[in-house]
Structure formats: C-alpha cells, structure tokens
Amino acid sequence: DPYLETREKEDAFAERIVEAVERKVIDPLYYGYAIKAFQTQVEGFAEGSTGQTEINKRRLQDEVVIRFPVSLDEQKAIGRMLKVIDEKIQTNEEVNDNLQEQIRALF
C-alpha cells in the first residue's frame, strides 16, 4: 500500500512492536529543504574510518523527525519561496564576485 508503511519500535516496556503508520505525501522540493536543515545532524551519524563512511540508518530513523504541513499546496508554496530566496542569494554572490573583480582591475 503506497499510503501505509510498517515500522518497528520499542514500547515503554522495551518490547519490540510493529506499528502501521500513514505514509504522508511530501513535496520533493520542500523535503529537500527540510532535510538540508538537518544536514549537520545527519553528517554526525556517519560511521567508518576507511575514507568511506556510511550513515547509521537506525539513528537517522530514530533521531531525525521532519515536520511538514499536511497541505501539499502549502509545502509547494514554501519550497518555491525557499528556492526563489536561494536563487536570489546566488545572484547576489555572483554580482559581488563581479564587483570584486572590477575593483581588483582598477587598483
């Protein structure tokens, strides 16, 4: 079922139980920004020492909770707004770089 998933967890008595939870629909753009907000925390889950690290999936599932508006339209609006802001930041950085190059050329 694309709208249900099962997840194991321990209850208050340390017994493993399986719960069915409703799978929510999340806008990919919104989700990308939401998970980016947890980037430092997620990077802290990295394990390994051979130069190739892996993310501890259990910690990721247990410790990262992403809250999101139920309304898909609201998620999309938030994602679009954040994208516009990111694009504006990128444009401003490019303008600043160009201005610095012009100053260096003058002096």
PDB file of N, CA and C in Angstrom:
ATOM      1  N   ASP A   1       0.853  -1.185   0.000  1.00  0.00           N
ATOM      2  CA  ASP A   1       0.000   0.000   0.000  1.00  0.00           C
ATOM      3  C   ASP A   1       0.896   1.244   0.000  1.00  0.00           C
ATOM      4  N   PRO A   2       0.763   2.122  -0.979  1.00  0.00           N
ATOM      5  CA  PRO A   2       1.640   3.289  -1.043  1.00  0.00           C
ATOM      6  C   PRO A   2       1.390   4.307   0.064  1.00  0.00           C
ATOM      7  N   TYR A   3       0.286   4.150   0.793  1.00  0.00           N
ATOM      8  CA  TYR A   3      -0.032   5.115   1.833  1.00  0.00           C
ATOM      9  C   TYR A   3       0.159   4.582   3.242  1.00  0.00           C
ATOM     10  N   LEU A   4       0.607   3.338   3.371  1.00  0.00           N
ATOM     11  CA  LEU A   4       0.886   2.772   4.691  1.00  0.00           C
ATOM     12  C   LEU A   4       2.273   2.166   4.692  1.00  0.00           C
ATOM     13  N   GLU A   5       2.924   2.243   5.817  1.00  0.00           N
ATOM     14  CA  GLU A   5       4.212   1.586   5.982  1.00  0.00           C
ATOM     15  C   GLU A   5       4.258   1.014   7.383  1.00  0.00           C
ATOM     16  N   THR A   6       5.108   0.020   7.589  1.00  0.00           N
ATOM     17  CA  THR A   6       5.267  -0.541   8.926  1.00  0.00           C
ATOM     18  C   THR A   6       6.622  -0.111   9.455  1.00  0.00           C
ATOM     19  N   ARG A   7       6.681   0.038  10.765  1.00  0.00           N
ATOM     20  CA  ARG A   7       7.915   0.479  11.396  1.00  0.00           C
ATOM     21  C   ARG A   7       8.013  -0.226  12.741  1.00  0.00           C
ATOM     22  N   GLU A   8       9.199  -0.771  13.045  1.00  0.00           N
ATOM     23  CA  GLU A   8       9.414  -1.397  14.340  1.00  0.00           C
ATOM     24  C   GLU A   8       9.849  -0.347  15.343  1.00  0.00           C
ATOM     25  N   LYS A   9       9.409  -0.501  16.571  1.00  0.00           N
ATOM     26  CA  LYS A   9       9.873   0.380  17.643  1.00  0.00           C
ATOM     27  C   LYS A   9       9.717  -0.353  18.959  1.00  0.00           C
ATOM     28  N   GLU A  10      10.319   0.201  19.993  1.00  0.00           N
ATOM     29  CA  GLU A  10      10.185  -0.379  21.328  1.00  0.00           C
ATOM     30  C   GLU A  10       9.177   0.449  22.101  1.00  0.00           C
ATOM     31  N   ASP A  11       8.299  -0.241  22.835  1.00  0.00           N
ATOM     32  CA  ASP A  11       7.336   0.500  23.646  1.00  0.00           C
ATOM     33  C   ASP A  11       7.929   0.764  25.032  1.00  0.00           C
ATOM     34  N   ALA A  12       7.126   1.297  25.919  1.00  0.00           N
ATOM     35  CA  ALA A  12       7.595   1.678  27.257  1.00  0.00           C
ATOM     36  C   ALA A  12       8.126   0.478  28.045  1.00  0.00           C
ATOM     37  N   PHE A  13       7.729  -0.727  27.668  1.00  0.00           N
ATOM     38  CA  PHE A  13       8.166  -1.917  28.379  1.00  0.00           C
ATOM     39  C   PHE A  13       9.320  -2.614  27.654  1.00  0.00           C
ATOM     40  N   ALA A  14       9.938  -1.908  26.717  1.00  0.00           N
ATOM     41  CA  ALA A  14      11.084  -2.401  25.951  1.00  0.00           C
ATOM     42  C   ALA A  14      10.737  -3.639  25.135  1.00  0.00           C
ATOM     43  N   GLU A  15       9.478  -3.751  24.747  1.00  0.00           N
ATOM     44  CA  GLU A  15       9.078  -4.839  23.864  1.00  0.00           C
ATOM     45  C   GLU A  15       9.026  -4.290  22.452  1.00  0.00           C
ATOM     46  N   ARG A  16       9.528  -5.082  21.534  1.00  0.00           N
ATOM     47  CA  ARG A  16       9.504  -4.623  20.146  1.00  0.00           C
ATOM     48  C   ARG A  16       8.100  -4.790  19.595  1.00  0.00           C
ATOM     49  N   ILE A  17       7.615  -3.735  18.994  1.00  0.00           N
ATOM     50  CA  ILE A  17       6.294  -3.796  18.382  1.00  0.00           C
ATOM     51  C   ILE A  17       6.412  -3.249  16.965  1.00  0.00           C
ATOM     52  N   VAL A  18       5.465  -3.624  16.158  1.00  0.00           N
ATOM     53  CA  VAL A  18       5.413  -3.113  14.795  1.00  0.00           C
ATOM     54  C   VAL A  18       4.166  -2.262  14.702  1.00  0.00           C
ATOM     55  N   GLU A  19       4.333  -1.046  14.183  1.00  0.00           N
ATOM     56  CA  GLU A  19       3.178  -0.175  14.051  1.00  0.00           C
ATOM     57  C   GLU A  19       2.969   0.168  12.587  1.00  0.00           C
ATOM     58  N   ALA A  20       1.742   0.325  12.217  1.00  0.00           N
ATOM     59  CA  ALA A  20       1.421   0.790  10.871  1.00  0.00           C
ATOM     60  C   ALA A  20       1.225   2.290  10.968  1.00  0.00           C
ATOM     61  N   VAL A  21       1.895   3.015  10.119  1.00  0.00           N
ATOM     62  CA  VAL A  21       1.767   4.463  10.135  1.00  0.00           C
ATOM     63  C   VAL A  21       1.358   4.930   8.746  1.00  0.00           C
ATOM     64  N   GLU A  22       0.602   5.984   8.720  1.00  0.00           N
ATOM     65  CA  GLU A  22       0.178   6.541   7.445  1.00  0.00           C
ATOM     66  C   GLU A  22       1.375   7.207   6.790  1.00  0.00           C
ATOM     67  N   ARG A  23       1.626   6.849   5.560  1.00  0.00           N
ATOM     68  CA  ARG A  23       2.727   7.461   4.813  1.00  0.00           C
ATOM     69  C   ARG A  23       2.193   8.777   4.246  1.00  0.00           C
ATOM     70  N   LYS A  24       2.873   9.829   4.560  1.00  0.00           N
ATOM     71  CA  LYS A  24       2.450  11.147   4.114  1.00  0.00           C
ATOM     72  C   LYS A  24       3.053  11.462   2.751  1.00  0.00           C
ATOM     73  N   VAL A  25       2.363  12.286   2.011  1.00  0.00           N
ATOM     74  CA  VAL A  25       2.875  12.744   0.730  1.00  0.00           C
ATOM     75  C   VAL A  25       3.636  14.038   0.988  1.00  0.00           C
ATOM     76  N   ILE A  26       4.899  14.065   0.564  1.00  0.00           N
ATOM     77  CA  ILE A  26       5.734  15.233   0.798  1.00  0.00           C
ATOM     78  C   ILE A  26       6.266  15.733  -0.543  1.00  0.00           C
ATOM     79  N   ASP A  27       6.126  17.022  -0.769  1.00  0.00           N
ATOM     80  CA  ASP A  27       6.658  17.646  -1.971  1.00  0.00           C
ATOM     81  C   ASP A  27       8.180  17.491  -1.970  1.00  0.00           C
ATOM     82  N   PRO A  28       8.782  17.007  -3.058  1.00  0.00           N
ATOM     83  CA  PRO A  28      10.238  16.774  -3.084  1.00  0.00           C
ATOM     84  C   PRO A  28      11.061  18.036  -2.826  1.00  0.00           C
ATOM     85  N   LEU A  29      10.639  19.176  -3.350  1.00  0.00           N
ATOM     86  CA  LEU A  29      11.387  20.408  -3.132  1.00  0.00           C
ATOM     87  C   LEU A  29      11.344  20.797  -1.655  1.00  0.00           C
ATOM     88  N   TYR A  30      10.159  20.719  -1.052  1.00  0.00           N
ATOM     89  CA  TYR A  30      10.012  21.015   0.374  1.00  0.00           C
ATOM     90  C   TYR A  30      10.881  20.052   1.191  1.00  0.00           C
ATOM     91  N   TYR A  31      10.817  18.762   0.851  1.00  0.00           N
ATOM     92  CA  TYR A  31      11.576  17.758   1.583  1.00  0.00           C
ATOM     93  C   TYR A  31      13.074  18.027   1.485  1.00  0.00           C
ATOM     94  N   GLY A  32      13.530  18.418   0.294  1.00  0.00           N
ATOM     95  CA  GLY A  32      14.947  18.727   0.116  1.00  0.00           C
ATOM     96  C   GLY A  32      15.405  19.834   1.051  1.00  0.00           C
ATOM     97  N   TYR A  33      14.609  20.890   1.163  1.00  0.00           N
ATOM     98  CA  TYR A  33      14.965  21.978   2.073  1.00  0.00           C
ATOM     99  C   TYR A  33      14.849  21.536   3.533  1.00  0.00           C
ATOM    100  N   ALA A  34      13.845  20.712   3.826  1.00  0.00           N
ATOM    101  CA  ALA A  34      13.661  20.249   5.208  1.00  0.00           C
ATOM    102  C   ALA A  34      14.844  19.400   5.654  1.00  0.00           C
ATOM    103  N   ILE A  35      15.266  18.484   4.808  1.00  0.00           N
ATOM    104  CA  ILE A  35      16.377  17.609   5.194  1.00  0.00           C
ATOM    105  C   ILE A  35      17.684  18.390   5.248  1.00  0.00           C
ATOM    106  N   LYS A  36      17.799  19.413   4.407  1.00  0.00           N
ATOM    107  CA  LYS A  36      19.002  20.261   4.438  1.00  0.00           C
ATOM    108  C   LYS A  36      19.153  20.938   5.796  1.00  0.00           C
ATOM    109  N   ALA A  37      18.037  21.222   6.439  1.00  0.00           N
ATOM    110  CA  ALA A  37      18.076  21.851   7.756  1.00  0.00           C
ATOM    111  C   ALA A  37      18.703  20.927   8.804  1.00  0.00           C
ATOM    112  N   PHE A  38      18.708  19.626   8.532  1.00  0.00           N
ATOM    113  CA  PHE A  38      19.269  18.642   9.457  1.00  0.00           C
ATOM    114  C   PHE A  38      20.635  18.133   9.002  1.00  0.00           C
ATOM    115  N   GLN A  39      21.243  18.782   8.009  1.00  0.00           N
ATOM    116  CA  GLN A  39      22.470  18.278   7.401  1.00  0.00           C
ATOM    117  C   GLN A  39      23.574  18.009   8.412  1.00  0.00           C
ATOM    118  N   THR A  40      23.823  18.937   9.310  1.00  0.00           N
ATOM    119  CA  THR A  40      24.889  18.750  10.292  1.00  0.00           C
ATOM    120  C   THR A  40      24.595  17.562  11.190  1.00  0.00           C
ATOM    121  N   GLN A  41      23.348  17.442  11.622  1.00  0.00           N
ATOM    122  CA  GLN A  41      22.969  16.322  12.483  1.00  0.00           C
ATOM    123  C   GLN A  41      23.130  14.996  11.732  1.00  0.00           C
ATOM    124  N   VAL A  42      22.691  14.959  10.477  1.00  0.00           N
ATOM    125  CA  VAL A  42      22.784  13.736   9.688  1.00  0.00           C
ATOM    126  C   VAL A  42      24.250  13.368   9.462  1.00  0.00           C
ATOM    127  N   GLU A  43      25.087  14.353   9.176  1.00  0.00           N
ATOM    128  CA  GLU A  43      26.510  14.068   8.986  1.00  0.00           C
ATOM    129  C   GLU A  43      27.129  13.490  10.258  1.00  0.00           C
ATOM    130  N   GLY A  44      26.574  13.837  11.407  1.00  0.00           N
ATOM    131  CA  GLY A  44      27.054  13.286  12.666  1.00  0.00           C
ATOM    132  C   GLY A  44      26.763  11.801  12.831  1.00  0.00           C
ATOM    133  N   PHE A  45      25.878  11.262  12.001  1.00  0.00           N
ATOM    134  CA  PHE A  45      25.544   9.840  12.052  1.00  0.00           C
ATOM    135  C   PHE A  45      26.530   8.997  11.242  1.00  0.00           C
ATOM    136  N   ALA A  46      27.472   9.642  10.569  1.00  0.00           N
ATOM    137  CA  ALA A  46      28.424   8.925   9.709  1.00  0.00           C
ATOM    138  C   ALA A  46      29.317   8.025  10.547  1.00  0.00           C
ATOM    139  N   GLU A  47      29.524   6.830  10.044  1.00  0.00           N
ATOM    140  CA  GLU A  47      30.374   5.855  10.725  1.00  0.00           C
ATOM    141  C   GLU A  47      31.348   5.275   9.723  1.00  0.00           C
ATOM    142  N   GLY A  48      32.512   4.931  10.186  1.00  0.00           N
ATOM    143  CA  GLY A  48      33.516   4.324   9.326  1.00  0.00           C
ATOM    144  C   GLY A  48      34.791   5.135   9.365  1.00  0.00           C
ATOM    145  N   SER A  49      35.902   4.471   9.059  1.00  0.00           N
ATOM    146  CA  SER A  49      37.180   5.161   9.146  1.00  0.00           C
ATOM    147  C   SER A  49      38.069   4.920   7.945  1.00  0.00           C
ATOM    148  N   THR A  50      37.585   4.262   6.935  1.00  0.00           N
ATOM    149  CA  THR A  50      38.423   3.938   5.786  1.00  0.00           C
ATOM    150  C   THR A  50      38.291   4.960   4.669  1.00  0.00           C
ATOM    151  N   GLY A  51      37.735   6.102   4.995  1.00  0.00           N
ATOM    152  CA  GLY A  51      37.524   7.116   3.975  1.00  0.00           C
ATOM    153  C   GLY A  51      36.171   6.979   3.307  1.00  0.00           C
ATOM    154  N   GLN A  52      35.507   5.870   3.562  1.00  0.00           N
ATOM    155  CA  GLN A  52      34.170   5.666   3.011  1.00  0.00           C
ATOM    156  C   GLN A  52      33.222   5.473   4.185  1.00  0.00           C
ATOM    157  N   THR A  53      32.520   6.528   4.517  1.00  0.00           N
ATOM    158  CA  THR A  53      31.637   6.457   5.674  1.00  0.00           C
ATOM    159  C   THR A  53      30.223   6.078   5.253  1.00  0.00           C
ATOM    160  N   GLU A  54      29.480   5.573   6.192  1.00  0.00           N
ATOM    161  CA  GLU A  54      28.085   5.213   5.984  1.00  0.00           C
ATOM    162  C   GLU A  54      27.256   5.920   7.040  1.00  0.00           C
ATOM    163  N   ILE A  55      26.026   6.198   6.700  1.00  0.00           N
ATOM    164  CA  ILE A  55      25.106   6.822   7.647  1.00  0.00           C
ATOM    165  C   ILE A  55      24.428   5.721   8.455  1.00  0.00           C
ATOM    166  N   ASN A  56      24.389   5.885   9.767  1.00  0.00           N
ATOM    167  CA  ASN A  56      23.709   4.932  10.629  1.00  0.00           C
ATOM    168  C   ASN A  56      22.208   5.084  10.408  1.00  0.00           C
ATOM    169  N   LYS A  57      21.633   4.148   9.670  1.00  0.00           N
ATOM    170  CA  LYS A  57      20.217   4.223   9.283  1.00  0.00           C
ATOM    171  C   LYS A  57      19.293   4.232  10.506  1.00  0.00           C
ATOM    172  N   ARG A  58      19.607   3.436  11.488  1.00  0.00           N
ATOM    173  CA  ARG A  58      18.752   3.352  12.681  1.00  0.00           C
ATOM    174  C   ARG A  58      18.691   4.710  13.381  1.00  0.00           C
ATOM    175  N   ARG A  59      19.843   5.340  13.576  1.00  0.00           N
ATOM    176  CA  ARG A  59      19.861   6.669  14.223  1.00  0.00           C
ATOM    177  C   ARG A  59      19.118   7.685  13.369  1.00  0.00           C
ATOM    178  N   LEU A  60      19.291   7.596  12.064  1.00  0.00           N
ATOM    179  CA  LEU A  60      18.605   8.516  11.163  1.00  0.00           C
ATOM    180  C   LEU A  60      17.097   8.385  11.328  1.00  0.00           C
ATOM    181  N   GLN A  61      16.601   7.164  11.365  1.00  0.00           N
ATOM    182  CA  GLN A  61      15.168   6.931  11.516  1.00  0.00           C
ATOM    183  C   GLN A  61      14.660   7.343  12.896  1.00  0.00           C
ATOM    184  N   ASP A  62      15.467   7.092  13.919  1.00  0.00           N
ATOM    185  CA  ASP A  62      15.016   7.340  15.284  1.00  0.00           C
ATOM    186  C   ASP A  62      15.171   8.787  15.737  1.00  0.00           C
ATOM    187  N   GLU A  63      16.162   9.488  15.202  1.00  0.00           N
ATOM    188  CA  GLU A  63      16.504  10.793  15.762  1.00  0.00           C
ATOM    189  C   GLU A  63      16.152  11.993  14.885  1.00  0.00           C
ATOM    190  N   VAL A  64      15.878  11.775  13.621  1.00  0.00           N
ATOM    191  CA  VAL A  64      15.538  12.896  12.752  1.00  0.00           C
ATOM    192  C   VAL A  64      14.034  12.871  12.491  1.00  0.00           C
ATOM    193  N   VAL A  65      13.359  13.877  12.976  1.00  0.00           N
ATOM    194  CA  VAL A  65      11.920  13.997  12.769  1.00  0.00           C
ATOM    195  C   VAL A  65      11.687  15.241  11.925  1.00  0.00           C
ATOM    196  N   ILE A  66      11.125  15.043  10.760  1.00  0.00           N
ATOM    197  CA  ILE A  66      10.832  16.164   9.878  1.00  0.00           C
ATOM    198  C   ILE A  66       9.338  16.441   9.953  1.00  0.00           C
ATOM    199  N   ARG A  67       9.034  17.620  10.408  1.00  0.00           N
ATOM    200  CA  ARG A  67       7.639  18.028  10.476  1.00  0.00           C
ATOM    201  C   ARG A  67       7.309  18.786   9.193  1.00  0.00           C
ATOM    202  N   PHE A  68       6.091  18.606   8.718  1.00  0.00           N
ATOM    203  CA  PHE A  68       5.716  19.271   7.478  1.00  0.00           C
ATOM    204  C   PHE A  68       4.229  19.565   7.466  1.00  0.00           C
ATOM    205  N   PRO A  69       3.848  20.621   6.747  1.00  0.00           N
ATOM    206  CA  PRO A  69       2.425  20.921   6.645  1.00  0.00           C
ATOM    207  C   PRO A  69       1.698  19.777   5.937  1.00  0.00           C
ATOM    208  N   VAL A  70       0.495  19.495   6.377  1.00  0.00           N
ATOM    209  CA  VAL A  70      -0.292  18.435   5.763  1.00  0.00           C
ATOM    210  C   VAL A  70      -0.660  18.812   4.327  1.00  0.00           C
ATOM    211  N   SER A  71      -0.919  20.079   4.106  1.00  0.00           N
ATOM    212  CA  SER A  71      -1.336  20.548   2.788  1.00  0.00           C
ATOM    213  C   SER A  71      -0.164  20.495   1.805  1.00  0.00           C
ATOM    214  N   LEU A  72      -0.336  19.721   0.738  1.00  0.00           N
ATOM    215  CA  LEU A  72       0.687  19.634  -0.294  1.00  0.00           C
ATOM    216  C   LEU A  72       0.878  21.000  -0.966  1.00  0.00           C
ATOM    217  N   ASP A  73      -0.207  21.745  -1.133  1.00  0.00           N
ATOM    218  CA  ASP A  73      -0.100  23.081  -1.726  1.00  0.00           C
ATOM    219  C   ASP A  73       0.761  24.005  -0.861  1.00  0.00           C
ATOM    220  N   GLU A  74       0.603  23.912   0.442  1.00  0.00           N
ATOM    221  CA  GLU A  74       1.410  24.731   1.356  1.00  0.00           C
ATOM    222  C   GLU A  74       2.884  24.325   1.288  1.00  0.00           C
ATOM    223  N   GLN A  75       3.136  23.017   1.223  1.00  0.00           N
ATOM    224  CA  GLN A  75       4.515  22.539   1.078  1.00  0.00           C
ATOM    225  C   GLN A  75       5.138  23.097  -0.196  1.00  0.00           C
ATOM    226  N   LYS A  76       4.387  23.030  -1.286  1.00  0.00           N
ATOM    227  CA  LYS A  76       4.898  23.515  -2.568  1.00  0.00           C
ATOM    228  C   LYS A  76       5.178  25.012  -2.517  1.00  0.00           C
ATOM    229  N   ALA A  77       4.289  25.758  -1.883  1.00  0.00           N
ATOM    230  CA  ALA A  77       4.482  27.209  -1.767  1.00  0.00           C
ATOM    231  C   ALA A  77       5.743  27.518  -0.962  1.00  0.00           C
ATOM    232  N   ILE A  78       5.945  26.805   0.125  1.00  0.00           N
ATOM    233  CA  ILE A  78       7.141  27.015   0.960  1.00  0.00           C
ATOM    234  C   ILE A  78       8.397  26.645   0.168  1.00  0.00           C
ATOM    235  N   GLY A  79       8.377  25.519  -0.511  1.00  0.00           N
ATOM    236  CA  GLY A  79       9.523  25.082  -1.302  1.00  0.00           C
ATOM    237  C   GLY A  79       9.868  26.084  -2.394  1.00  0.00           C
ATOM    238  N   ARG A  80       8.839  26.581  -3.097  1.00  0.00           N
ATOM    239  CA  ARG A  80       9.090  27.581  -4.150  1.00  0.00           C
ATOM    240  C   ARG A  80       9.673  28.860  -3.570  1.00  0.00           C
ATOM    241  N   MET A  81       9.149  29.303  -2.425  1.00  0.00           N
ATOM    242  CA  MET A  81       9.648  30.518  -1.796  1.00  0.00           C
ATOM    243  C   MET A  81      11.121  30.356  -1.415  1.00  0.00           C
ATOM    244  N   LEU A  82      11.473  29.229  -0.823  1.00  0.00           N
ATOM    245  CA  LEU A  82      12.863  28.988  -0.435  1.00  0.00           C
ATOM    246  C   LEU A  82      13.774  28.903  -1.656  1.00  0.00           C
ATOM    247  N   LYS A  83      13.260  28.329  -2.743  1.00  0.00           N
ATOM    248  CA  LYS A  83      14.050  28.247  -3.973  1.00  0.00           C
ATOM    249  C   LYS A  83      14.318  29.643  -4.532  1.00  0.00           C
ATOM    250  N   VAL A  84      13.308  30.501  -4.530  1.00  0.00           N
ATOM    251  CA  VAL A  84      13.483  31.872  -5.011  1.00  0.00           C
ATOM    252  C   VAL A  84      14.533  32.594  -4.164  1.00  0.00           C
ATOM    253  N   ILE A  85      14.469  32.405  -2.849  1.00  0.00           N
ATOM    254  CA  ILE A  85      15.460  33.028  -1.957  1.00  0.00           C
ATOM    255  C   ILE A  85      16.863  32.509  -2.272  1.00  0.00           C
ATOM    256  N   ASP A  86      17.001  31.190  -2.462  1.00  0.00           N
ATOM    257  CA  ASP A  86      18.308  30.617  -2.805  1.00  0.00           C
ATOM    258  C   ASP A  86      18.833  31.186  -4.120  1.00  0.00           C
ATOM    259  N   GLU A  87      17.948  31.314  -5.099  1.00  0.00           N
ATOM    260  CA  GLU A  87      18.356  31.871  -6.391  1.00  0.00           C
ATOM    261  C   GLU A  87      18.792  33.327  -6.242  1.00  0.00           C
ATOM    262  N   LYS A  88      18.105  34.083  -5.422  1.00  0.00           N
ATOM    263  CA  LYS A  88      18.475  35.490  -5.184  1.00  0.00           C
ATOM    264  C   LYS A  88      19.833  35.564  -4.486  1.00  0.00           C
ATOM    265  N   ILE A  89      20.066  34.703  -3.521  1.00  0.00           N
ATOM    266  CA  ILE A  89      21.364  34.661  -2.842  1.00  0.00           C
ATOM    267  C   ILE A  89      22.467  34.355  -3.850  1.00  0.00           C
ATOM    268  N   GLN A  90      22.241  33.381  -4.719  1.00  0.00           N
ATOM    269  CA  GLN A  90      23.222  33.017  -5.738  1.00  0.00           C
ATOM    270  C   GLN A  90      23.507  34.200  -6.662  1.00  0.00           C
ATOM    271  N   THR A  91      22.464  34.889  -7.101  1.00  0.00           N
ATOM    272  CA  THR A  91      22.637  36.056  -7.967  1.00  0.00           C
ATOM    273  C   THR A  91      23.442  37.139  -7.258  1.00  0.00           C
ATOM    274  N   ASN A  92      23.119  37.410  -5.997  1.00  0.00           N
ATOM    275  CA  ASN A  92      23.852  38.419  -5.231  1.00  0.00           C
ATOM    276  C   ASN A  92      25.323  38.047  -5.075  1.00  0.00           C
ATOM    277  N   GLU A  93      25.614  36.763  -4.856  1.00  0.00           N
ATOM    278  CA  GLU A  93      27.005  36.324  -4.744  1.00  0.00           C
ATOM    279  C   GLU A  93      27.744  36.534  -6.059  1.00  0.00           C
ATOM    280  N   GLU A  94      27.072  36.260  -7.169  1.00  0.00           N
ATOM    281  CA  GLU A  94      27.696  36.465  -8.480  1.00  0.00           C
ATOM    282  C   GLU A  94      27.967  37.949  -8.725  1.00  0.00           C
ATOM    283  N   VAL A  95      27.023  38.823  -8.364  1.00  0.00           N
ATOM    284  CA  VAL A  95      27.216  40.264  -8.509  1.00  0.00           C
ATOM    285  C   VAL A  95      28.382  40.726  -7.639  1.00  0.00           C
ATOM    286  N   ASN A  96      28.433  40.251  -6.407  1.00  0.00           N
ATOM    287  CA  ASN A  96      29.533  40.615  -5.509  1.00  0.00           C
ATOM    288  C   ASN A  96      30.881  40.178  -6.075  1.00  0.00           C
ATOM    289  N   ASP A  97      30.944  38.962  -6.597  1.00  0.00           N
ATOM    290  CA  ASP A  97      32.192  38.473  -7.193  1.00  0.00           C
ATOM    291  C   ASP A  97      32.608  39.351  -8.365  1.00  0.00           C
ATOM    292  N   ASN A  98      31.634  39.717  -9.183  1.00  0.00           N
ATOM    293  CA  ASN A  98      31.922  40.571 -10.333  1.00  0.00           C
ATOM    294  C   ASN A  98      32.438  41.938  -9.890  1.00  0.00           C
ATOM    295  N   LEU A  99      31.807  42.510  -8.875  1.00  0.00           N
ATOM    296  CA  LEU A  99      32.248  43.813  -8.368  1.00  0.00           C
ATOM    297  C   LEU A  99      33.657  43.748  -7.786  1.00  0.00           C
ATOM    298  N   GLN A 100      33.970  42.656  -7.099  1.00  0.00           N
ATOM    299  CA  GLN A 100      35.315  42.494  -6.556  1.00  0.00           C
ATOM    300  C   GLN A 100      36.353  42.389  -7.668  1.00  0.00           C
ATOM    301  N   GLU A 101      36.008  41.703  -8.741  1.00  0.00           N
ATOM    302  CA  GLU A 101      36.916  41.602  -9.888  1.00  0.00           C
ATOM    303  C   GLU A 101      37.146  42.980 -10.507  1.00  0.00           C
ATOM    304  N   GLN A 102      36.082  43.774 -10.605  1.00  0.00           N
ATOM    305  CA  GLN A 102      36.211  45.114 -11.172  1.00  0.00           C
ATOM    306  C   GLN A 102      37.097  45.998 -10.283  1.00  0.00           C
ATOM    307  N   ILE A 103      36.944  45.870  -8.990  1.00  0.00           N
ATOM    308  CA  ILE A 103      37.774  46.663  -8.063  1.00  0.00           C
ATOM    309  C   ILE A 103      39.240  46.263  -8.204  1.00  0.00           C
ATOM    310  N   ARG A 104      39.498  44.961  -8.274  1.00  0.00           N
ATOM    311  CA  ARG A 104      40.881  44.490  -8.446  1.00  0.00           C
ATOM    312  C   ARG A 104      41.475  45.000  -9.758  1.00  0.00           C
ATOM    313  N   ALA A 105      40.656  45.075 -10.797  1.00  0.00           N
ATOM    314  CA  ALA A 105      41.140  45.541 -12.096  1.00  0.00           C
ATOM    315  C   ALA A 105      41.488  47.024 -12.049  1.00  0.00           C
ATOM    316  N   LEU A 106      40.759  47.785 -11.223  1.00  0.00           N
ATOM    317  CA  LEU A 106      41.024  49.221 -11.114  1.00  0.00           C
ATOM    318  C   LEU A 106      42.237  49.529 -10.263  1.00  0.00           C
ATOM    319  N   PHE A 107      42.511  48.716  -9.294  1.00  0.00           N
ATOM    320  CA  PHE A 107      43.616  49.001  -8.356  1.00  0.00           C
ATOM    321  C   PHE A 107      44.649  47.946  -8.542  1.00  0.00           C
TER     322      PHE A 107
END
